[in-house]
Amino acid sequence: MDVYHYLIPLAVAFGVAALMTPLVMRLAIFVGITDQPSERSVNRRPNMPLLGGMAVGLGFAAGLTVAIRQIEPTFSGGHLFALTLGGALVLATGIYDDRFGMNAWAKFGVQIVAAVLAIASGYQIDHLTEPFSRTSFVFPIWLSWTVTILWIVTVTNAINLVDGLDGLAAGVAAIIAATLAFLAAQAGEFFGVCIGVAMVGALLGFLPFNFAPARIFLGDTGALFIGYVLALLALEGYRQVTLLTFVVPVFALAVPILDTTLSVIRRLRARSPIFNADRLHMHHCMLESEGSARSAVLQFYVLTAAFCLISLAFANLEGYMALLFLVVVGVLTYRLVTNLGTLVTTKDPAALGELGLNSGENEP
C-alpha cells in the first residue's frame, strides 16, 4: 500500500483538529468550561479553556472516515459501531464533567457501559496461548468480560491521570497511537491502522495549541476519549495472542498504565482513598527534577517512546528469549520508579498533607 494512503487521512485529521481548536477555545470560554488554579494543579493561569477533546474528536472522526476509504474500503461494521457509540458516550461524559463536575464512581459507571458496548461488538480478550507448548486456554465468558472491562477502564483512566502538564497527554498519546497502529499493521488488522492514523493526526493538529505554554487543555473531555480509543486500538491487534505477546500493547501503554498502578499502590499503602489526588505522579516527579514543565514533558515523551520501541522489539521475540527480555525490562522499570520516588508513602497525616495525599480533590 502506498504511503499516501496513510498520509491523506493523517493530514485530514491534522487539518480538522487544527482548524477546530480555536473555535472550541472560544466556545469553552463562552459557556464557562474553563480550568482554574488549584492546590493540586500545576496550572496557575485562570480561565484556561477546556474542551480540547472536542477538537481532537472531530479531527479523529474526519480522519477515520477518510482512512477507512483509503486503507480498508471493504471494512464492515461492528467494531466501528462500538468505537463510535462508546467514544461518543465517553466524550459526552467528559464534557459534562468539565462543565459541572462528576463523581468518580459515576464516571466509572459510564466507562463500564462503553466497555460493554465494545465487548458486545467483538472487542474481547477471550483466550491466551501458553508460549512454549502453544497450548491455548479459552476464558469463560465471565472472565473474558471481566478482563476486557478492566483493560478498557484502566487505559481510559490512565491517559486521564497523565494529563497534568501542558502537552503531556496529547504528545504521549500520539506516540502510543503511532506505535499501536504499526503493531496493528504487522498483525494485518487494517481497521486498527485506520484508528491509529486518525488519532495521531488529530493529536498532532491539537498539540501546537496545547504544548507549553498551552492555550487550551484537553480536559476530561479529551483525556477520557483518547484513553478509550487507545484501549480499543490495542485490542485490534489482539488475535492469536500468547501470554508473552499480549505484553506488546501493554509495553506501548506502559508509562500511563504504570503511573496509574503506582498511584493506586501508593494510596493503598498510605491508607488513603484511591480517588484522593496527590502530587506524586511521574510527571510531578519529573517536573520537580527538571524544574521546567517543558523539559519534564519532553523527558516524558522520551520515556514513552523508549517503552514503545521496547514493544516493537518484543513483538519479534519468542519463547525463552522473550521471557528473559521481559525480566530485564521489569528490573529496569522497577529501578526507574524507585529513582523517581513515585512509590514514596507514609502514614503520618502531616507528611501526607505535604505530599498532596490529603488534598481533598478526587481523581480520575
Protein backbone atom coordinates (compact mmCIF):
# COMPACT_ATOMS: atom_id res chain seq x y z
CA MET A 1 0.00 0.00 0.00
CA ASP A 2 1.34 3.42 -0.98
CA VAL A 3 2.40 5.90 1.67
CA TYR A 4 -0.20 8.45 0.54
CA HIS A 5 -2.97 6.08 1.68
CA TYR A 6 -1.75 6.78 5.21
CA LEU A 7 -0.76 10.41 4.73
CA ILE A 8 -4.12 11.61 3.40
CA PRO A 9 -6.22 10.62 6.47
CA LEU A 10 -3.38 11.79 8.72
CA ALA A 11 -3.43 15.20 7.02
CA VAL A 12 -7.24 15.41 7.15
CA ALA A 13 -7.32 14.61 10.88
CA PHE A 14 -4.50 17.11 11.48
CA GLY A 15 -6.21 19.88 9.50
CA VAL A 16 -9.65 19.45 11.03
CA ALA A 17 -8.27 19.35 14.59
CA ALA A 18 -6.07 22.40 13.95
CA LEU A 19 -8.97 24.37 12.45
CA MET A 20 -11.47 23.40 15.13
CA THR A 21 -9.26 24.05 18.16
CA PRO A 22 -9.50 27.89 18.07
CA LEU A 23 -13.28 27.61 17.68
CA VAL A 24 -13.50 25.19 20.60
CA MET A 25 -11.38 27.57 22.69
CA ARG A 26 -13.89 30.37 22.11
CA LEU A 27 -16.82 28.04 22.82
CA ALA A 28 -15.29 26.85 26.10
CA ILE A 29 -14.75 30.42 27.31
CA PHE A 30 -18.24 31.46 26.18
CA VAL A 31 -20.01 28.67 28.10
CA GLY A 32 -17.64 28.86 31.08
CA ILE A 33 -15.94 25.48 30.73
CA THR A 34 -12.55 26.60 31.98
CA ASP A 35 -9.86 25.43 34.38
CA GLN A 36 -8.91 27.40 37.47
CA PRO A 37 -5.70 27.17 39.55
CA SER A 38 -5.89 24.70 42.44
CA GLU A 39 -3.68 23.15 45.10
CA ARG A 40 -3.01 20.00 43.05
CA SER A 41 -2.95 21.50 39.58
CA VAL A 42 0.29 22.75 38.04
CA ASN A 43 -1.74 25.36 36.14
CA ARG A 44 -1.55 28.85 37.61
CA ARG A 45 -3.48 30.66 34.85
CA PRO A 46 -7.15 31.43 35.45
CA ASN A 47 -9.91 30.72 32.91
CA MET A 48 -7.93 28.28 30.75
CA PRO A 49 -10.39 26.79 28.23
CA LEU A 50 -11.07 23.08 28.45
CA LEU A 51 -12.96 21.01 25.83
CA GLY A 52 -9.82 20.40 23.76
CA GLY A 53 -11.10 16.86 23.39
CA MET A 54 -13.90 18.12 21.15
CA ALA A 55 -11.38 19.32 18.57
CA VAL A 56 -9.46 16.05 18.85
CA GLY A 57 -12.70 14.07 18.50
CA LEU A 58 -13.78 15.98 15.40
CA GLY A 59 -10.36 15.62 13.80
CA PHE A 60 -10.33 11.92 14.66
CA ALA A 61 -13.80 11.36 13.17
CA ALA A 62 -12.83 13.11 9.92
CA GLY A 63 -9.54 11.27 9.66
CA LEU A 64 -11.12 7.89 10.43
CA THR A 65 -13.76 8.40 7.75
CA VAL A 66 -11.10 9.08 5.12
CA ALA A 67 -8.82 6.33 6.46
CA ILE A 68 -11.49 3.67 6.11
CA ARG A 69 -12.00 4.65 2.48
CA GLN A 70 -8.26 4.79 1.77
CA ILE A 71 -6.94 1.85 3.79
CA GLU A 72 -9.82 -0.55 4.48
CA PRO A 73 -12.63 0.15 1.98
CA THR A 74 -14.17 -3.33 2.48
CA PHE A 75 -14.48 -2.90 6.22
CA SER A 76 -17.87 -3.56 7.76
CA GLY A 77 -19.41 -2.56 10.88
CA GLY A 78 -19.32 -3.93 14.44
CA HIS A 79 -16.03 -2.52 15.66
CA LEU A 80 -16.78 0.85 14.11
CA PHE A 81 -20.17 0.91 15.87
CA ALA A 82 -18.55 0.29 19.27
CA LEU A 83 -15.82 2.83 18.64
CA THR A 84 -18.31 5.48 17.52
CA LEU A 85 -21.04 4.97 20.13
CA GLY A 86 -18.73 4.20 23.05
CA GLY A 87 -16.40 7.05 22.11
CA ALA A 88 -19.32 9.50 21.86
CA LEU A 89 -20.59 8.36 25.27
CA VAL A 90 -17.18 8.86 26.90
CA LEU A 91 -16.73 12.20 25.13
CA ALA A 92 -20.14 13.45 26.34
CA THR A 93 -19.31 12.31 29.88
CA GLY A 94 -16.09 14.31 29.76
CA ILE A 95 -17.91 17.43 28.57
CA TYR A 96 -20.42 17.13 31.41
CA ASP A 97 -17.63 16.57 33.95
CA ASP A 98 -15.63 19.56 32.68
CA ARG A 99 -18.70 21.78 32.96
CA PHE A 100 -20.48 20.58 36.11
CA GLY A 101 -18.18 18.09 37.79
CA MET A 102 -18.98 14.40 38.16
CA ASN A 103 -18.49 11.81 40.88
CA ALA A 104 -15.63 9.39 40.15
CA TRP A 105 -17.87 6.36 40.58
CA ALA A 106 -20.42 7.78 38.13
CA LYS A 107 -17.64 8.23 35.56
CA PHE A 108 -16.55 4.65 36.12
CA GLY A 109 -20.13 3.54 35.54
CA VAL A 110 -20.26 5.28 32.16
CA GLN A 111 -16.87 3.82 31.21
CA ILE A 112 -18.10 0.33 32.06
CA VAL A 113 -21.15 0.85 29.83
CA ALA A 114 -18.83 1.95 27.00
CA ALA A 115 -16.66 -1.11 27.64
CA VAL A 116 -19.71 -3.39 27.48
CA LEU A 117 -20.64 -1.84 24.12
CA ALA A 118 -17.14 -2.66 22.88
CA ILE A 119 -17.29 -6.25 24.13
CA ALA A 120 -20.71 -6.80 22.56
CA SER A 121 -19.23 -5.62 19.24
CA GLY A 122 -16.33 -8.06 19.30
CA TYR A 123 -13.58 -6.39 21.33
CA GLN A 124 -12.73 -9.22 23.74
CA ILE A 125 -9.75 -10.75 25.48
CA ASP A 126 -11.14 -14.29 25.33
CA HIS A 127 -8.11 -16.58 25.27
CA LEU A 128 -4.39 -16.84 25.88
CA THR A 129 -1.83 -19.26 24.46
CA GLU A 130 0.98 -20.61 26.62
CA PRO A 131 4.12 -19.51 24.72
CA PHE A 132 6.21 -22.68 24.99
CA SER A 133 3.83 -25.60 24.39
CA ARG A 134 1.43 -23.35 22.39
CA THR A 135 -1.49 -24.67 24.44
CA SER A 136 -4.49 -22.33 24.22
CA PHE A 137 -6.69 -21.50 27.20
CA VAL A 138 -10.14 -20.19 26.36
CA PHE A 139 -11.58 -17.91 29.03
CA PRO A 140 -15.07 -18.50 30.38
CA ILE A 141 -17.41 -15.67 29.40
CA TRP A 142 -17.40 -14.09 32.87
CA LEU A 143 -13.58 -13.96 32.94
CA SER A 144 -13.35 -12.65 29.37
CA TRP A 145 -15.78 -9.84 30.15
CA THR A 146 -14.07 -9.01 33.45
CA VAL A 147 -10.56 -8.84 31.97
CA THR A 148 -11.70 -6.83 28.95
CA ILE A 149 -13.68 -4.32 31.02
CA LEU A 150 -10.72 -3.95 33.38
CA TRP A 151 -8.40 -3.32 30.42
CA ILE A 152 -10.63 -0.69 28.79
CA VAL A 153 -11.41 1.18 32.01
CA THR A 154 -7.76 1.11 33.15
CA VAL A 155 -6.36 2.50 29.90
CA THR A 156 -9.16 5.09 29.66
CA ASN A 157 -8.25 6.48 33.07
CA ALA A 158 -4.51 6.06 32.62
CA ILE A 159 -4.44 8.75 29.94
CA ASN A 160 -6.54 10.99 32.18
CA LEU A 161 -4.07 10.61 35.04
CA VAL A 162 -1.05 11.67 32.98
CA ASP A 163 -2.85 14.80 31.76
CA GLY A 164 -1.09 17.01 34.29
CA LEU A 165 1.30 19.21 32.28
CA ASP A 166 0.91 21.27 29.11
CA GLY A 167 1.09 18.97 26.08
CA LEU A 168 1.81 15.85 28.12
CA ALA A 169 -1.20 13.61 27.50
CA ALA A 170 -1.61 14.65 23.84
CA GLY A 171 2.04 14.01 22.98
CA VAL A 172 2.25 10.74 24.90
CA ALA A 173 -0.98 9.50 23.30
CA ALA A 174 0.29 10.41 19.82
CA ILE A 175 3.45 8.34 20.36
CA ILE A 176 1.41 5.40 21.67
CA ALA A 177 -1.16 5.63 18.86
CA ALA A 178 1.57 5.57 16.21
CA THR A 179 3.14 2.50 17.84
CA LEU A 180 -0.17 0.63 18.14
CA ALA A 181 -1.02 1.47 14.52
CA PHE A 182 2.30 -0.05 13.42
CA LEU A 183 1.63 -3.17 15.51
CA ALA A 184 -1.87 -3.44 14.02
CA ALA A 185 -0.35 -3.25 10.53
CA GLN A 186 2.06 -6.06 11.41
CA ALA A 187 -0.91 -8.15 12.56
CA GLY A 188 -2.83 -7.40 9.36
CA GLU A 189 -5.56 -5.56 11.27
CA PHE A 190 -6.01 -2.59 8.98
CA PHE A 191 -9.00 -1.13 10.81
CA GLY A 192 -6.59 -0.69 13.71
CA VAL A 193 -4.26 1.15 11.35
CA CYS A 194 -7.17 3.45 10.41
CA ILE A 195 -7.83 4.22 14.07
CA GLY A 196 -4.17 4.86 14.83
CA VAL A 197 -3.52 7.10 11.82
CA ALA A 198 -6.63 9.18 12.53
CA MET A 199 -5.75 9.58 16.21
CA VAL A 200 -2.13 10.55 15.51
CA GLY A 201 -3.23 13.19 13.01
CA ALA A 202 -5.87 14.66 15.34
CA LEU A 203 -3.45 14.83 18.28
CA LEU A 204 -0.69 16.44 16.22
CA GLY A 205 -3.18 19.03 14.96
CA PHE A 206 -4.19 19.86 18.51
CA LEU A 207 -0.73 19.72 20.12
CA PRO A 208 0.57 23.16 18.95
CA PHE A 209 -2.26 24.77 20.93
CA ASN A 210 -1.68 22.54 23.96
CA PHE A 211 2.12 22.43 24.24
CA ALA A 212 3.71 24.68 26.87
CA PRO A 213 2.60 27.37 27.29
CA ALA A 214 -0.82 25.90 26.50
CA ARG A 215 -3.73 27.95 25.22
CA ILE A 216 -6.27 25.15 25.77
CA PHE A 217 -6.43 21.95 27.80
CA LEU A 218 -7.76 18.55 26.78
CA GLY A 219 -9.91 18.36 29.89
CA ASP A 220 -11.64 15.12 30.85
CA THR A 221 -13.42 15.55 27.51
CA GLY A 222 -10.25 14.71 25.64
CA ALA A 223 -8.27 12.59 28.08
CA LEU A 224 -11.05 10.04 28.63
CA PHE A 225 -11.95 9.90 24.93
CA ILE A 226 -8.33 9.38 23.87
CA GLY A 227 -7.85 6.70 26.53
CA TYR A 228 -10.94 4.81 25.36
CA VAL A 229 -9.83 4.90 21.72
CA LEU A 230 -6.32 3.71 22.61
CA ALA A 231 -7.74 0.85 24.70
CA LEU A 232 -9.73 -0.41 21.69
CA LEU A 233 -6.84 0.23 19.32
CA ALA A 234 -4.62 -2.03 21.45
CA LEU A 235 -7.24 -4.79 21.19
CA GLU A 236 -7.35 -4.50 17.38
CA GLY A 237 -4.02 -6.34 17.23
CA TYR A 238 -5.22 -8.96 19.71
CA ARG A 239 -5.90 -12.16 17.79
CA GLN A 240 -3.68 -15.22 18.25
CA VAL A 241 -2.18 -13.96 21.47
CA THR A 242 0.17 -15.70 23.91
CA LEU A 243 0.89 -14.81 27.50
CA LEU A 244 4.00 -13.01 26.27
CA THR A 245 2.81 -11.40 23.03
CA PHE A 246 -0.05 -9.65 24.83
CA VAL A 247 2.70 -7.81 26.70
CA VAL A 248 3.40 -5.91 23.46
CA PRO A 249 0.45 -3.45 23.68
CA VAL A 250 0.99 -3.28 27.43
CA PHE A 251 4.56 -2.09 26.80
CA ALA A 252 3.29 0.52 24.33
CA LEU A 253 0.94 1.83 27.02
CA ALA A 254 3.42 1.14 29.83
CA VAL A 255 4.02 4.71 31.04
CA PRO A 256 0.37 5.73 31.67
CA ILE A 257 -0.53 2.24 32.97
CA LEU A 258 2.49 2.26 35.27
CA ASP A 259 1.62 5.71 36.59
CA THR A 260 -1.96 4.60 37.31
CA THR A 261 -0.83 1.39 39.03
CA LEU A 262 1.70 3.23 41.17
CA SER A 263 -0.95 5.77 42.18
CA VAL A 264 -3.26 3.03 43.44
CA ILE A 265 -0.45 1.19 45.26
CA ARG A 266 0.79 4.42 46.80
CA ARG A 267 -2.63 5.32 48.20
CA LEU A 268 -3.37 1.82 49.45
CA ARG A 269 -0.06 1.73 51.30
CA ALA A 270 -0.80 5.14 52.78
CA ARG A 271 -4.35 4.03 53.69
CA SER A 272 -5.70 6.93 51.69
CA PRO A 273 -8.79 6.68 49.43
CA ILE A 274 -7.65 5.67 45.95
CA PHE A 275 -9.50 8.63 44.37
CA ASN A 276 -7.69 11.20 46.51
CA ALA A 277 -5.37 13.24 44.31
CA ASP A 278 -1.67 13.72 45.01
CA ARG A 279 1.44 15.29 43.50
CA LEU A 280 3.48 12.10 43.22
CA HIS A 281 2.55 11.16 39.66
CA MET A 282 5.51 10.51 37.39
CA HIS A 283 5.12 13.86 35.66
CA HIS A 284 5.11 15.68 39.02
CA CYS A 285 8.35 13.92 39.97
CA MET A 286 9.91 14.78 36.61
CA LEU A 287 8.77 18.39 36.97
CA GLU A 288 10.46 18.62 40.37
CA SER A 289 13.60 17.03 38.95
CA GLU A 290 13.75 19.11 35.76
CA GLY A 291 12.47 22.41 37.19
CA SER A 292 10.78 23.22 33.87
CA ALA A 293 7.39 21.95 32.67
CA ARG A 294 8.57 21.84 29.06
CA SER A 295 11.70 19.84 29.94
CA ALA A 296 9.65 17.44 32.07
CA VAL A 297 7.18 16.88 29.22
CA LEU A 298 9.97 16.24 26.70
CA GLN A 299 11.58 13.77 29.11
CA PHE A 300 8.22 12.03 29.45
CA TYR A 301 7.97 11.82 25.65
CA VAL A 302 11.39 10.15 25.52
CA LEU A 303 10.40 7.68 28.24
CA THR A 304 7.17 6.82 26.42
CA ALA A 305 9.00 6.41 23.10
CA ALA A 306 11.53 4.11 24.80
CA PHE A 307 8.78 1.79 26.04
CA CYS A 308 7.12 1.89 22.61
CA LEU A 309 10.40 0.85 20.98
CA ILE A 310 10.61 -1.96 23.54
CA SER A 311 7.13 -3.10 22.50
CA LEU A 312 8.16 -3.15 18.82
CA ALA A 313 11.28 -5.17 19.65
CA PHE A 314 9.34 -7.53 21.90
CA ALA A 315 6.86 -8.25 19.09
CA ASN A 316 9.63 -10.09 17.21
CA LEU A 317 10.80 -12.25 20.13
CA GLU A 318 9.54 -15.70 21.10
CA GLY A 319 9.93 -18.28 23.84
CA TYR A 320 12.66 -18.02 26.45
CA MET A 321 14.34 -15.04 24.81
CA ALA A 322 11.09 -13.07 25.17
CA LEU A 323 10.82 -14.17 28.79
CA LEU A 324 14.39 -13.07 29.52
CA PHE A 325 13.75 -9.74 27.80
CA LEU A 326 10.61 -9.28 29.92
CA VAL A 327 12.53 -9.91 33.16
CA VAL A 328 15.26 -7.42 32.23
CA VAL A 329 12.70 -4.73 31.34
CA GLY A 330 10.87 -5.41 34.61
CA VAL A 331 14.05 -4.92 36.66
CA LEU A 332 14.92 -1.69 34.84
CA THR A 333 11.36 -0.39 35.25
CA TYR A 334 11.47 -1.04 38.99
CA ARG A 335 14.74 0.87 39.15
CA LEU A 336 13.13 3.74 37.24
CA VAL A 337 10.14 4.12 39.57
CA THR A 338 12.28 3.92 42.70
CA ASN A 339 14.62 6.60 41.33
CA LEU A 340 11.65 8.85 40.53
CA GLY A 341 10.25 8.39 44.04
CA THR A 342 6.70 7.64 42.87
CA LEU A 343 6.26 4.90 45.49
CA VAL A 344 7.13 7.14 48.43
CA THR A 345 4.42 6.79 51.08
CA THR A 346 3.94 7.48 54.75
CA LYS A 347 1.14 7.06 57.25
CA ASP A 348 1.92 10.31 59.04
CA PRO A 349 -1.01 12.73 58.42
CA ALA A 350 1.22 15.81 58.31
CA ALA A 351 3.51 14.23 55.75
CA LEU A 352 0.54 13.07 53.71
CA GLY A 353 -0.61 16.65 53.51
CA GLU A 354 2.79 17.72 52.21
CA LEU A 355 2.63 15.04 49.51
CA GLY A 356 -0.85 16.06 48.49
CA LEU A 357 -2.46 12.80 49.62
CA ASN A 358 -4.96 14.67 51.75
CA SER A 359 -5.79 17.32 49.19
CA GLY A 360 -9.50 16.58 49.23
CA GLU A 361 -9.62 16.53 45.43
CA ASN A 362 -10.64 13.40 43.60
CA GLU A 363 -9.37 11.55 40.60
CA PRO A 364 -9.84 10.46 37.94
